[in-house]
């Protein structure tokens, strides 16, 4: 028989691992500095929020997707090669 301590320990371990794995992903928190969204410069899996092609932060599937964005300090996006303040088609 499974004792109660083992059962509770297993349940706690499972809940902790789910929370740590990021399975409850959503939009990234807004930074505490003056920021802008920069489109088209994000590596796969590093985007900050949902787009028309994926649902959550960290779910982009290709590098430099035109509709994937990341928060950057204000005034920085125009200095990044391929960066745009508007989504690319």
N, C-alpha and C. Protein backbone atom coordinates (compact mmCIF):
# COMPACT_ATOMS: atom_id res chain seq x y z
N UNK A 1 0.83 -1.19 0.00
CA UNK A 1 0.00 0.00 0.00
C UNK A 1 0.88 1.25 0.00
N UNK A 2 0.37 2.26 -0.62
CA UNK A 2 1.07 3.55 -0.65
C UNK A 2 0.69 4.30 0.62
N UNK A 3 1.72 4.76 1.34
CA UNK A 3 1.36 5.50 2.54
C UNK A 3 1.06 6.96 2.18
N UNK A 4 0.38 7.65 3.03
CA UNK A 4 -0.08 9.02 2.78
C UNK A 4 1.08 9.97 2.55
N UNK A 5 2.17 9.83 3.28
CA UNK A 5 3.32 10.72 3.12
C UNK A 5 3.90 10.61 1.71
N UNK A 6 4.04 9.41 1.21
CA UNK A 6 4.58 9.21 -0.13
C UNK A 6 3.66 9.82 -1.18
N UNK A 7 2.38 9.62 -1.03
CA UNK A 7 1.41 10.15 -1.96
C UNK A 7 1.44 11.68 -1.97
N UNK A 8 1.44 12.30 -0.81
CA UNK A 8 1.49 13.76 -0.72
C UNK A 8 2.81 14.30 -1.26
N UNK A 9 3.89 13.61 -0.96
CA UNK A 9 5.20 14.04 -1.46
C UNK A 9 5.25 14.00 -2.98
N UNK A 10 4.69 12.97 -3.57
CA UNK A 10 4.66 12.84 -5.02
C UNK A 10 3.80 13.93 -5.65
N UNK A 11 2.67 14.22 -5.05
CA UNK A 11 1.79 15.27 -5.57
C UNK A 11 2.47 16.63 -5.50
N UNK A 12 3.15 16.91 -4.40
CA UNK A 12 3.86 18.18 -4.26
C UNK A 12 4.99 18.28 -5.27
N UNK A 13 5.73 17.22 -5.47
CA UNK A 13 6.82 17.23 -6.44
C UNK A 13 6.29 17.46 -7.86
N UNK A 14 5.18 16.84 -8.20
CA UNK A 14 4.59 17.02 -9.52
C UNK A 14 4.13 18.46 -9.73
N UNK A 15 3.48 19.04 -8.75
CA UNK A 15 3.01 20.42 -8.86
C UNK A 15 4.18 21.38 -8.99
N UNK A 16 5.23 21.16 -8.24
CA UNK A 16 6.41 22.02 -8.30
C UNK A 16 7.09 21.92 -9.65
N UNK A 17 7.21 20.72 -10.19
CA UNK A 17 7.87 20.57 -11.48
C UNK A 17 7.05 21.18 -12.61
N UNK A 18 5.74 21.12 -12.54
CA UNK A 18 4.90 21.77 -13.55
C UNK A 18 5.09 23.27 -13.52
N UNK A 19 5.10 23.85 -12.34
CA UNK A 19 5.28 25.30 -12.22
C UNK A 19 6.65 25.72 -12.71
N UNK A 20 7.67 24.95 -12.42
CA UNK A 20 9.03 25.29 -12.81
C UNK A 20 9.26 25.10 -14.30
N UNK A 21 8.52 24.24 -14.94
CA UNK A 21 8.73 23.96 -16.36
C UNK A 21 8.16 25.03 -17.27
N UNK A 22 7.38 25.95 -16.73
CA UNK A 22 6.80 27.02 -17.54
C UNK A 22 5.60 26.56 -18.34
N UNK A 23 4.96 25.51 -17.93
CA UNK A 23 3.81 25.01 -18.67
C UNK A 23 2.63 25.97 -18.62
N UNK A 24 2.68 26.95 -17.78
CA UNK A 24 1.63 27.95 -17.67
C UNK A 24 2.12 29.26 -18.26
N UNK A 25 2.72 29.21 -19.45
CA UNK A 25 3.31 30.39 -20.08
C UNK A 25 2.23 31.37 -20.49
N UNK A 26 2.60 32.60 -20.52
CA UNK A 26 1.72 33.67 -20.95
C UNK A 26 2.57 34.81 -21.42
N UNK A 27 2.03 36.00 -21.48
CA UNK A 27 2.83 37.14 -21.91
C UNK A 27 3.94 37.45 -20.91
N UNK A 28 5.03 37.98 -21.42
CA UNK A 28 6.13 38.39 -20.55
C UNK A 28 5.70 39.64 -19.78
N UNK A 29 6.23 39.80 -18.59
CA UNK A 29 5.93 40.99 -17.79
C UNK A 29 6.57 42.22 -18.44
N UNK A 30 5.87 43.35 -18.38
CA UNK A 30 6.44 44.58 -18.93
C UNK A 30 7.65 44.98 -18.09
N UNK A 31 8.73 45.38 -18.76
CA UNK A 31 9.93 45.77 -18.01
C UNK A 31 9.70 47.06 -17.23
N UNK A 32 10.60 47.31 -16.28
CA UNK A 32 10.45 48.51 -15.45
C UNK A 32 11.26 49.69 -16.01
N UNK A 33 11.69 49.61 -17.27
CA UNK A 33 12.38 50.72 -17.91
C UNK A 33 11.55 51.19 -19.10
N UNK A 34 11.91 52.34 -19.67
CA UNK A 34 11.21 52.85 -20.84
C UNK A 34 11.51 51.91 -22.01
N UNK A 35 10.48 51.31 -22.60
CA UNK A 35 10.68 50.26 -23.59
C UNK A 35 9.88 50.49 -24.86
N UNK A 36 10.21 49.69 -25.86
CA UNK A 36 9.43 49.61 -27.08
C UNK A 36 9.45 48.16 -27.54
N UNK A 37 8.49 47.80 -28.37
CA UNK A 37 8.46 46.46 -28.94
C UNK A 37 9.27 46.48 -30.22
N UNK A 38 10.16 45.49 -30.39
CA UNK A 38 10.98 45.40 -31.58
C UNK A 38 10.65 44.09 -32.30
N UNK A 39 10.14 44.21 -33.52
CA UNK A 39 9.70 43.06 -34.31
C UNK A 39 10.80 42.58 -35.25
N UNK A 40 10.82 41.29 -35.51
CA UNK A 40 11.68 40.72 -36.53
C UNK A 40 13.11 40.44 -36.13
N UNK A 41 13.44 40.53 -34.85
CA UNK A 41 14.83 40.31 -34.43
C UNK A 41 14.95 39.23 -33.35
N UNK A 42 13.88 38.51 -33.13
CA UNK A 42 13.83 37.56 -32.02
C UNK A 42 14.27 36.16 -32.47
N UNK A 43 15.10 35.52 -31.67
CA UNK A 43 15.47 34.13 -31.91
C UNK A 43 14.27 33.24 -31.59
N UNK A 44 14.21 32.08 -32.22
CA UNK A 44 13.13 31.13 -31.97
C UNK A 44 13.03 30.82 -30.48
N UNK A 45 11.81 30.90 -29.95
CA UNK A 45 11.58 30.58 -28.55
C UNK A 45 11.91 31.70 -27.58
N UNK A 46 12.23 32.89 -28.07
CA UNK A 46 12.61 33.99 -27.18
C UNK A 46 11.68 35.19 -27.26
N UNK A 47 10.55 35.07 -27.95
CA UNK A 47 9.62 36.19 -28.08
C UNK A 47 8.96 36.54 -26.75
N UNK A 48 8.47 37.78 -26.63
CA UNK A 48 7.88 38.23 -25.38
C UNK A 48 6.36 38.13 -25.31
N UNK A 49 5.66 37.91 -26.40
CA UNK A 49 4.21 37.77 -26.30
C UNK A 49 3.64 37.08 -27.51
N UNK A 50 2.32 36.84 -27.45
CA UNK A 50 1.64 36.11 -28.51
C UNK A 50 1.56 36.92 -29.79
N UNK A 51 1.38 36.22 -30.88
CA UNK A 51 1.19 36.83 -32.19
C UNK A 51 0.09 36.05 -32.90
N UNK A 52 -0.09 36.31 -34.17
CA UNK A 52 -1.10 35.58 -34.93
C UNK A 52 -0.70 34.12 -35.15
N UNK A 53 0.61 33.82 -35.06
CA UNK A 53 1.07 32.46 -35.35
C UNK A 53 1.43 31.63 -34.13
N UNK A 54 1.48 32.21 -32.95
CA UNK A 54 1.73 31.45 -31.73
C UNK A 54 1.09 32.16 -30.54
N UNK A 55 0.86 31.41 -29.46
CA UNK A 55 -0.02 31.89 -28.41
C UNK A 55 0.63 32.49 -27.17
N UNK A 56 1.90 32.24 -26.93
CA UNK A 56 2.49 32.70 -25.67
C UNK A 56 3.93 33.15 -25.84
N UNK A 57 4.43 33.81 -24.81
CA UNK A 57 5.84 34.18 -24.79
C UNK A 57 6.69 32.92 -24.86
N UNK A 58 7.78 33.00 -25.61
CA UNK A 58 8.68 31.87 -25.71
C UNK A 58 8.23 30.77 -26.64
N UNK A 59 7.28 31.05 -27.54
CA UNK A 59 6.77 29.99 -28.40
C UNK A 59 6.99 30.25 -29.89
N UNK A 60 7.78 31.24 -30.26
CA UNK A 60 8.04 31.45 -31.68
C UNK A 60 8.83 30.25 -32.21
N UNK A 61 8.60 29.91 -33.47
CA UNK A 61 9.17 28.68 -34.01
C UNK A 61 10.34 28.90 -34.95
N UNK A 62 10.62 30.14 -35.35
CA UNK A 62 11.73 30.42 -36.26
C UNK A 62 12.41 31.72 -35.85
N UNK A 63 13.67 31.83 -36.19
CA UNK A 63 14.41 33.07 -35.93
C UNK A 63 13.85 34.19 -36.79
N UNK A 64 13.82 35.39 -36.25
CA UNK A 64 13.47 36.62 -36.96
C UNK A 64 12.09 36.62 -37.61
N UNK A 65 11.11 35.97 -36.97
CA UNK A 65 9.74 36.02 -37.49
C UNK A 65 9.26 37.47 -37.47
N UNK A 66 8.63 37.89 -38.54
CA UNK A 66 8.21 39.28 -38.67
C UNK A 66 7.17 39.73 -37.68
N UNK A 67 6.37 38.82 -37.13
CA UNK A 67 5.35 39.21 -36.18
C UNK A 67 5.73 38.94 -34.73
N UNK A 68 6.92 38.37 -34.51
CA UNK A 68 7.39 38.11 -33.14
C UNK A 68 8.17 39.32 -32.64
N UNK A 69 7.94 39.67 -31.38
CA UNK A 69 8.61 40.86 -30.85
C UNK A 69 9.22 40.58 -29.48
N UNK A 70 10.09 41.51 -29.09
CA UNK A 70 10.74 41.46 -27.79
C UNK A 70 10.83 42.88 -27.26
N UNK A 71 10.76 43.04 -25.95
CA UNK A 71 10.93 44.36 -25.35
C UNK A 71 12.39 44.76 -25.43
N UNK A 72 12.64 45.99 -25.88
CA UNK A 72 14.00 46.55 -25.88
C UNK A 72 13.91 47.97 -25.32
N UNK A 73 15.01 48.52 -24.81
CA UNK A 73 14.97 49.90 -24.32
C UNK A 73 14.53 50.85 -25.44
N UNK A 74 13.75 51.86 -25.09
CA UNK A 74 13.23 52.83 -26.06
C UNK A 74 14.38 53.41 -26.89
N UNK A 75 14.18 53.49 -28.20
CA UNK A 75 15.17 54.05 -29.11
C UNK A 75 16.19 53.04 -29.62
N UNK A 76 16.10 51.80 -29.18
CA UNK A 76 17.08 50.78 -29.56
C UNK A 76 16.71 50.03 -30.82
N UNK A 77 15.45 49.79 -31.07
CA UNK A 77 15.01 48.93 -32.17
C UNK A 77 15.53 49.42 -33.51
N UNK A 78 15.49 50.72 -33.77
CA UNK A 78 15.94 51.26 -35.05
C UNK A 78 17.43 51.02 -35.27
N UNK A 79 18.17 50.75 -34.20
CA UNK A 79 19.62 50.54 -34.33
C UNK A 79 19.96 49.06 -34.58
N UNK A 80 18.96 48.17 -34.48
CA UNK A 80 19.19 46.74 -34.67
C UNK A 80 18.89 46.37 -36.11
N UNK A 81 19.82 45.71 -36.78
CA UNK A 81 19.64 45.29 -38.16
C UNK A 81 18.41 44.39 -38.28
N UNK A 82 17.45 44.79 -39.11
CA UNK A 82 16.23 44.03 -39.32
C UNK A 82 15.13 44.37 -38.34
N UNK A 83 15.39 45.23 -37.37
CA UNK A 83 14.39 45.60 -36.36
C UNK A 83 13.36 46.58 -36.89
N UNK A 84 12.14 46.45 -36.41
CA UNK A 84 11.05 47.32 -36.81
C UNK A 84 10.11 47.53 -35.63
N UNK A 85 9.54 48.73 -35.54
CA UNK A 85 8.57 49.01 -34.47
C UNK A 85 7.16 48.55 -34.85
N UNK A 86 6.97 48.04 -36.06
CA UNK A 86 5.71 47.53 -36.53
C UNK A 86 5.89 46.10 -37.01
N UNK A 87 4.86 45.25 -36.87
CA UNK A 87 4.99 43.86 -37.36
C UNK A 87 5.26 43.84 -38.86
N UNK A 88 6.06 42.86 -39.26
CA UNK A 88 6.36 42.68 -40.69
C UNK A 88 5.43 41.60 -41.24
N UNK A 89 5.06 41.74 -42.49
CA UNK A 89 4.15 40.76 -43.13
C UNK A 89 4.81 39.44 -43.38
